[in-house]
Amino acid sequence: MSLSQEKKLKLMMHTITLLSFIILTFFSITIFYIPLIFYLIFKSKELRIIAIETAVYQLFTWIIVLIWNTFVMRTLMLSMFHSDMNVSNMSMILWTAPIYIILTILLGFGPLKGILYVLQGKDFHYPIISKWISK
């Protein structure tokens, strides 16, 4: 396998990870199984490690969004539809929007950084996940 082909495959895996976050956000569907298919297909150790890292990243992203939507968004919806908007409901509404924006930036930044590193020719691994997988 040539180096440029391996670079394209790494770029494709990070792009799929970013795309999966966008699909998860808008359609509530996860595609974390696609990097696992790449793991089974490719023989290169480096590509297999990146495939596992991206699959675990997508799975953790799905779990975080699931918890967020289950608890925070439902509580926010119930507080918005409550007839008397007291101070505690308003503070929850005002705190939820910035946290949601920060969460979106953090979850989308990892794959985007991976794409930029691959385009620059640098090696990229997801920080916490790569340490966990290497054990």
N, C-alpha and C. Protein backbone atom coordinates (compact mmCIF):
# COMPACT_ATOMS: atom_id res chain seq x y z
N MET A 1 0.86 -1.18 0.00
CA MET A 1 0.00 0.00 0.00
C MET A 1 0.90 1.23 0.00
N SER A 2 0.69 2.12 -0.94
CA SER A 2 1.52 3.32 -1.02
C SER A 2 1.17 4.30 0.09
N LEU A 3 2.10 5.21 0.33
CA LEU A 3 1.92 6.17 1.41
C LEU A 3 0.76 7.11 1.12
N SER A 4 0.61 7.52 -0.13
CA SER A 4 -0.49 8.43 -0.45
C SER A 4 -1.85 7.73 -0.29
N GLN A 5 -1.90 6.45 -0.59
CA GLN A 5 -3.15 5.71 -0.42
C GLN A 5 -3.48 5.57 1.07
N GLU A 6 -2.46 5.34 1.89
CA GLU A 6 -2.67 5.25 3.33
C GLU A 6 -3.13 6.60 3.89
N LYS A 7 -2.56 7.67 3.37
CA LYS A 7 -2.97 9.02 3.79
C LYS A 7 -4.43 9.28 3.42
N LYS A 8 -4.83 8.84 2.24
CA LYS A 8 -6.22 9.01 1.82
C LYS A 8 -7.18 8.21 2.71
N LEU A 9 -6.76 7.02 3.10
CA LEU A 9 -7.60 6.19 3.97
C LEU A 9 -7.73 6.80 5.36
N LYS A 10 -6.63 7.35 5.89
CA LYS A 10 -6.70 8.03 7.18
C LYS A 10 -7.63 9.24 7.09
N LEU A 11 -7.48 9.99 6.01
CA LEU A 11 -8.33 11.16 5.80
C LEU A 11 -9.80 10.74 5.70
N MET A 12 -10.05 9.63 5.02
CA MET A 12 -11.42 9.14 4.88
C MET A 12 -12.00 8.74 6.24
N MET A 13 -11.20 8.10 7.09
CA MET A 13 -11.72 7.69 8.40
C MET A 13 -12.04 8.88 9.29
N HIS A 14 -11.18 9.91 9.27
CA HIS A 14 -11.46 11.10 10.08
C HIS A 14 -12.66 11.87 9.51
N THR A 15 -12.79 11.88 8.19
CA THR A 15 -13.94 12.55 7.57
C THR A 15 -15.24 11.81 7.91
N ILE A 16 -15.21 10.49 7.91
CA ILE A 16 -16.39 9.72 8.30
C ILE A 16 -16.76 10.00 9.74
N THR A 17 -15.74 10.17 10.60
CA THR A 17 -16.01 10.49 12.00
C THR A 17 -16.69 11.84 12.13
N LEU A 18 -16.21 12.84 11.39
CA LEU A 18 -16.86 14.16 11.41
C LEU A 18 -18.25 14.07 10.81
N LEU A 19 -18.40 13.33 9.73
CA LEU A 19 -19.71 13.15 9.10
C LEU A 19 -20.67 12.42 10.03
N SER A 20 -20.16 11.46 10.79
CA SER A 20 -21.04 10.74 11.72
C SER A 20 -21.56 11.65 12.82
N PHE A 21 -20.73 12.62 13.25
CA PHE A 21 -21.20 13.58 14.25
C PHE A 21 -22.32 14.44 13.67
N ILE A 22 -22.17 14.86 12.43
CA ILE A 22 -23.20 15.68 11.78
C ILE A 22 -24.47 14.86 11.59
N ILE A 23 -24.34 13.61 11.15
CA ILE A 23 -25.51 12.73 10.99
C ILE A 23 -26.18 12.48 12.32
N LEU A 24 -25.39 12.27 13.37
CA LEU A 24 -25.94 12.05 14.70
C LEU A 24 -26.69 13.28 15.19
N THR A 25 -26.15 14.45 14.93
CA THR A 25 -26.78 15.68 15.38
C THR A 25 -28.12 15.91 14.69
N PHE A 26 -28.17 15.72 13.39
CA PHE A 26 -29.38 16.07 12.65
C PHE A 26 -30.38 14.92 12.52
N PHE A 27 -29.91 13.68 12.47
CA PHE A 27 -30.80 12.55 12.22
C PHE A 27 -30.88 11.55 13.36
N SER A 28 -30.07 11.72 14.39
CA SER A 28 -30.02 10.82 15.55
C SER A 28 -29.70 9.37 15.16
N ILE A 29 -28.85 9.22 14.17
CA ILE A 29 -28.41 7.90 13.72
C ILE A 29 -26.89 7.84 13.90
N THR A 30 -26.41 6.73 14.40
CA THR A 30 -24.97 6.57 14.55
C THR A 30 -24.42 5.61 13.50
N ILE A 31 -23.21 5.89 13.04
CA ILE A 31 -22.57 5.01 12.05
C ILE A 31 -21.20 4.58 12.56
N PHE A 32 -21.09 4.30 13.86
CA PHE A 32 -19.79 3.94 14.43
C PHE A 32 -19.32 2.56 13.98
N TYR A 33 -20.16 1.80 13.31
CA TYR A 33 -19.77 0.47 12.84
C TYR A 33 -18.93 0.54 11.57
N ILE A 34 -18.94 1.64 10.85
CA ILE A 34 -18.17 1.75 9.60
C ILE A 34 -16.66 1.64 9.86
N PRO A 35 -16.10 2.35 10.87
CA PRO A 35 -14.67 2.12 11.15
C PRO A 35 -14.36 0.69 11.57
N LEU A 36 -15.31 0.00 12.18
CA LEU A 36 -15.08 -1.40 12.53
C LEU A 36 -14.99 -2.27 11.28
N ILE A 37 -15.73 -1.91 10.24
CA ILE A 37 -15.61 -2.61 8.96
C ILE A 37 -14.23 -2.36 8.37
N PHE A 38 -13.76 -1.10 8.46
CA PHE A 38 -12.40 -0.79 7.99
C PHE A 38 -11.36 -1.58 8.79
N TYR A 39 -11.61 -1.76 10.07
CA TYR A 39 -10.69 -2.52 10.91
C TYR A 39 -10.57 -3.97 10.41
N LEU A 40 -11.67 -4.53 9.99
CA LEU A 40 -11.65 -5.90 9.51
C LEU A 40 -11.04 -6.02 8.11
N ILE A 41 -11.14 -4.97 7.31
CA ILE A 41 -10.67 -5.02 5.93
C ILE A 41 -9.17 -4.76 5.82
N PHE A 42 -8.67 -3.74 6.51
CA PHE A 42 -7.28 -3.32 6.34
C PHE A 42 -6.33 -4.17 7.17
N LYS A 43 -5.12 -4.37 6.63
CA LYS A 43 -4.10 -5.17 7.30
C LYS A 43 -3.05 -4.30 7.99
N SER A 44 -2.94 -3.04 7.60
CA SER A 44 -1.94 -2.15 8.19
C SER A 44 -2.27 -1.88 9.66
N LYS A 45 -1.26 -2.03 10.51
CA LYS A 45 -1.48 -1.85 11.95
C LYS A 45 -1.91 -0.42 12.27
N GLU A 46 -1.28 0.55 11.60
CA GLU A 46 -1.61 1.96 11.87
C GLU A 46 -3.05 2.29 11.46
N LEU A 47 -3.48 1.77 10.32
CA LEU A 47 -4.86 2.01 9.89
C LEU A 47 -5.86 1.32 10.81
N ARG A 48 -5.50 0.16 11.31
CA ARG A 48 -6.39 -0.55 12.23
C ARG A 48 -6.52 0.20 13.55
N ILE A 49 -5.42 0.77 14.03
CA ILE A 49 -5.47 1.55 15.28
C ILE A 49 -6.35 2.78 15.10
N ILE A 50 -6.19 3.47 13.97
CA ILE A 50 -7.01 4.66 13.71
C ILE A 50 -8.48 4.26 13.55
N ALA A 51 -8.73 3.12 12.93
CA ALA A 51 -10.12 2.66 12.78
C ALA A 51 -10.76 2.39 14.13
N ILE A 52 -10.03 1.76 15.03
CA ILE A 52 -10.57 1.50 16.38
C ILE A 52 -10.77 2.81 17.13
N GLU A 53 -9.79 3.74 17.02
CA GLU A 53 -9.92 5.03 17.70
C GLU A 53 -11.15 5.80 17.22
N THR A 54 -11.36 5.83 15.91
CA THR A 54 -12.51 6.56 15.39
C THR A 54 -13.82 5.88 15.77
N ALA A 55 -13.83 4.55 15.81
CA ALA A 55 -15.05 3.85 16.22
C ALA A 55 -15.37 4.14 17.68
N VAL A 56 -14.36 4.11 18.54
CA VAL A 56 -14.59 4.40 19.96
C VAL A 56 -14.99 5.86 20.15
N TYR A 57 -14.37 6.77 19.39
CA TYR A 57 -14.74 8.19 19.47
C TYR A 57 -16.21 8.38 19.07
N GLN A 58 -16.62 7.73 17.99
CA GLN A 58 -18.01 7.85 17.55
C GLN A 58 -18.96 7.24 18.56
N LEU A 59 -18.58 6.13 19.17
CA LEU A 59 -19.42 5.50 20.18
C LEU A 59 -19.56 6.39 21.41
N PHE A 60 -18.45 6.97 21.87
CA PHE A 60 -18.51 7.89 23.01
C PHE A 60 -19.33 9.13 22.68
N THR A 61 -19.19 9.64 21.46
CA THR A 61 -19.99 10.79 21.03
C THR A 61 -21.47 10.44 21.06
N TRP A 62 -21.81 9.25 20.58
CA TRP A 62 -23.20 8.82 20.58
C TRP A 62 -23.73 8.71 22.00
N ILE A 63 -22.94 8.17 22.91
CA ILE A 63 -23.37 8.04 24.31
C ILE A 63 -23.56 9.40 24.95
N ILE A 64 -22.64 10.33 24.70
CA ILE A 64 -22.75 11.68 25.26
C ILE A 64 -24.00 12.38 24.74
N VAL A 65 -24.25 12.29 23.43
CA VAL A 65 -25.43 12.93 22.85
C VAL A 65 -26.70 12.26 23.35
N LEU A 66 -26.68 10.95 23.53
CA LEU A 66 -27.84 10.23 24.05
C LEU A 66 -28.16 10.69 25.48
N ILE A 67 -27.15 10.77 26.32
CA ILE A 67 -27.36 11.24 27.69
C ILE A 67 -27.84 12.68 27.69
N TRP A 68 -27.23 13.51 26.85
CA TRP A 68 -27.62 14.92 26.77
C TRP A 68 -29.09 15.04 26.37
N ASN A 69 -29.46 14.35 25.31
CA ASN A 69 -30.84 14.46 24.83
C ASN A 69 -31.84 13.84 25.79
N THR A 70 -31.45 12.78 26.46
CA THR A 70 -32.37 12.11 27.38
C THR A 70 -32.65 12.95 28.61
N PHE A 71 -31.62 13.47 29.22
CA PHE A 71 -31.82 14.16 30.49
C PHE A 71 -31.96 15.67 30.35
N VAL A 72 -31.01 16.30 29.71
CA VAL A 72 -30.99 17.76 29.68
C VAL A 72 -32.09 18.32 28.78
N MET A 73 -32.20 17.82 27.57
CA MET A 73 -33.17 18.39 26.64
C MET A 73 -34.61 18.10 27.08
N ARG A 74 -34.87 16.95 27.62
CA ARG A 74 -36.23 16.65 28.09
C ARG A 74 -36.59 17.53 29.29
N THR A 75 -35.65 17.71 30.19
CA THR A 75 -35.90 18.59 31.33
C THR A 75 -36.10 20.02 30.87
N LEU A 76 -35.32 20.44 29.89
CA LEU A 76 -35.47 21.78 29.34
C LEU A 76 -36.83 21.95 28.68
N MET A 77 -37.26 20.96 27.93
CA MET A 77 -38.57 21.05 27.28
C MET A 77 -39.69 21.11 28.30
N LEU A 78 -39.60 20.30 29.34
CA LEU A 78 -40.62 20.33 30.38
C LEU A 78 -40.64 21.67 31.11
N SER A 79 -39.47 22.25 31.33
CA SER A 79 -39.45 23.54 32.02
C SER A 79 -39.97 24.66 31.12
N MET A 80 -39.78 24.54 29.81
CA MET A 80 -40.28 25.57 28.90
C MET A 80 -41.80 25.52 28.77
N PHE A 81 -42.36 24.33 28.85
CA PHE A 81 -43.80 24.20 28.71
C PHE A 81 -44.56 24.36 30.02
N HIS A 82 -43.82 24.56 31.07
CA HIS A 82 -44.44 24.81 32.37
C HIS A 82 -45.06 26.21 32.33
N SER A 83 -46.21 26.36 32.90
CA SER A 83 -46.94 27.63 32.75
C SER A 83 -46.29 28.80 33.46
N ASP A 84 -45.72 28.60 34.63
CA ASP A 84 -45.09 29.73 35.31
C ASP A 84 -43.57 29.60 35.20
N MET A 85 -42.98 30.53 34.51
CA MET A 85 -41.54 30.51 34.29
C MET A 85 -40.85 31.17 35.48
N ASN A 86 -40.48 30.39 36.44
CA ASN A 86 -39.80 30.95 37.59
C ASN A 86 -38.30 31.07 37.32
N VAL A 87 -37.57 31.54 38.30
CA VAL A 87 -36.16 31.84 38.12
C VAL A 87 -35.34 30.58 37.84
N SER A 88 -35.65 29.48 38.49
CA SER A 88 -34.86 28.26 38.28
C SER A 88 -35.03 27.73 36.86
N ASN A 89 -36.22 27.83 36.30
CA ASN A 89 -36.43 27.39 34.93
C ASN A 89 -35.70 28.28 33.94
N MET A 90 -35.72 29.58 34.19
CA MET A 90 -35.02 30.51 33.29
C MET A 90 -33.51 30.31 33.35
N SER A 91 -32.99 30.06 34.54
CA SER A 91 -31.54 29.84 34.64
C SER A 91 -31.14 28.55 33.93
N MET A 92 -31.99 27.55 33.99
CA MET A 92 -31.68 26.31 33.27
C MET A 92 -31.68 26.54 31.77
N ILE A 93 -32.63 27.31 31.30
CA ILE A 93 -32.69 27.61 29.87
C ILE A 93 -31.46 28.40 29.44
N LEU A 94 -31.06 29.36 30.24
CA LEU A 94 -29.92 30.19 29.88
C LEU A 94 -28.59 29.44 29.99
N TRP A 95 -28.49 28.43 30.84
CA TRP A 95 -27.27 27.65 30.96
C TRP A 95 -27.18 26.54 29.92
N THR A 96 -28.30 26.08 29.41
CA THR A 96 -28.30 24.95 28.49
C THR A 96 -27.74 25.33 27.13
N ALA A 97 -28.08 26.48 26.62
CA ALA A 97 -27.63 26.88 25.28
C ALA A 97 -26.10 26.98 25.18
N PRO A 98 -25.42 27.68 26.08
CA PRO A 98 -23.95 27.73 25.97
C PRO A 98 -23.29 26.36 26.14
N ILE A 99 -23.82 25.55 27.03
CA ILE A 99 -23.24 24.21 27.23
C ILE A 99 -23.43 23.37 25.97
N TYR A 100 -24.57 23.51 25.32
CA TYR A 100 -24.82 22.77 24.08
C TYR A 100 -23.86 23.22 22.99
N ILE A 101 -23.60 24.51 22.90
CA ILE A 101 -22.66 25.04 21.90
C ILE A 101 -21.25 24.53 22.19
N ILE A 102 -20.84 24.55 23.45
CA ILE A 102 -19.51 24.07 23.82
C ILE A 102 -19.38 22.58 23.52
N LEU A 103 -20.40 21.81 23.84
CA LEU A 103 -20.40 20.37 23.57
C LEU A 103 -20.28 20.09 22.08
N THR A 104 -21.00 20.84 21.27
CA THR A 104 -20.95 20.67 19.82
C THR A 104 -19.56 20.99 19.29
N ILE A 105 -18.96 22.06 19.77
CA ILE A 105 -17.62 22.43 19.32
C ILE A 105 -16.60 21.37 19.72
N LEU A 106 -16.67 20.90 20.96
CA LEU A 106 -15.70 19.91 21.43
C LEU A 106 -15.83 18.58 20.68
N LEU A 107 -17.05 18.13 20.44
CA LEU A 107 -17.23 16.85 19.77
C LEU A 107 -16.91 16.92 18.28
N GLY A 108 -17.08 18.08 17.68
CA GLY A 108 -16.76 18.24 16.26
C GLY A 108 -15.31 18.60 16.01
N PHE A 109 -14.63 19.11 17.04
CA PHE A 109 -13.25 19.57 16.88
C PHE A 109 -12.26 18.42 16.71
N GLY A 110 -12.49 17.30 17.39
CA GLY A 110 -11.56 16.17 17.31
C GLY A 110 -11.36 15.65 15.89
N PRO A 111 -12.43 15.27 15.20
CA PRO A 111 -12.26 14.79 13.83
C PRO A 111 -11.74 15.86 12.88
N LEU A 112 -12.15 17.11 13.09
CA LEU A 112 -11.67 18.20 12.23
C LEU A 112 -10.16 18.38 12.40
N LYS A 113 -9.69 18.30 13.64
CA LYS A 113 -8.26 18.39 13.90
C LYS A 113 -7.53 17.21 13.26
N GLY A 114 -8.14 16.02 13.31
CA GLY A 114 -7.54 14.85 12.66
C GLY A 114 -7.42 15.03 11.16
N ILE A 115 -8.44 15.60 10.54
CA ILE A 115 -8.41 15.86 9.10
C ILE A 115 -7.28 16.83 8.76
N LEU A 116 -7.17 17.91 9.53
CA LEU A 116 -6.13 18.90 9.27
C LEU A 116 -4.73 18.32 9.48
N TYR A 117 -4.55 17.50 10.51
CA TYR A 117 -3.24 16.87 10.75
C TYR A 117 -2.87 15.93 9.61
N VAL A 118 -3.82 15.15 9.12
CA VAL A 118 -3.53 14.23 8.02
C VAL A 118 -3.17 15.00 6.76
N LEU A 119 -3.88 16.10 6.50
CA LEU A 119 -3.56 16.91 5.32
C LEU A 119 -2.18 17.55 5.42
N GLN A 120 -1.73 17.83 6.65
CA GLN A 120 -0.39 18.40 6.85
C GLN A 120 0.69 17.32 6.90
N GLY A 121 0.30 16.07 6.89
CA GLY A 121 1.25 14.98 6.93
C GLY A 121 1.68 14.59 8.33
N LYS A 122 0.99 15.09 9.34
CA LYS A 122 1.32 14.76 10.73
C LYS A 122 0.51 13.56 11.18
N ASP A 123 1.02 12.92 12.22
CA ASP A 123 0.33 11.78 12.81
C ASP A 123 -0.67 12.29 13.84
N PHE A 124 -1.89 11.76 13.83
CA PHE A 124 -2.92 12.21 14.77
C PHE A 124 -3.58 11.02 15.44
N HIS A 125 -3.71 11.12 16.75
CA HIS A 125 -4.45 10.14 17.53
C HIS A 125 -5.35 10.89 18.49
N TYR A 126 -6.53 10.37 18.73
CA TYR A 126 -7.45 10.99 19.69
C TYR A 126 -6.84 10.85 21.08
N PRO A 127 -6.68 11.96 21.81
CA PRO A 127 -5.84 11.98 23.02
C PRO A 127 -6.18 10.93 24.07
N ILE A 128 -7.35 10.92 24.61
CA ILE A 128 -7.69 10.01 25.70
C ILE A 128 -7.91 8.60 25.16
N ILE A 129 -8.53 8.50 24.01
CA ILE A 129 -8.87 7.20 23.44
C ILE A 129 -7.62 6.42 23.05
N SER A 130 -6.61 7.09 22.49
CA SER A 130 -5.40 6.38 22.07
C SER A 130 -4.65 5.81 23.27
N LYS A 131 -4.64 6.52 24.39
CA LYS A 131 -3.99 6.00 25.60
C LYS A 131 -4.76 4.80 26.14
N TRP A 132 -6.08 4.87 26.07
CA TRP A 132 -6.92 3.79 26.57
C TRP A 132 -6.79 2.53 25.70
N ILE A 133 -6.71 2.73 24.38
CA ILE A 133 -6.63 1.60 23.46
C ILE A 133 -5.25 0.95 23.49
N SER A 134 -4.20 1.75 23.71
CA SER A 134 -2.84 1.21 23.70
C SER A 134 -2.54 0.30 24.88
N LYS A 135 -3.39 0.31 25.91
CA LYS A 135 -3.16 -0.55 27.08
C LYS A 135 -3.47 -1.99 26.80
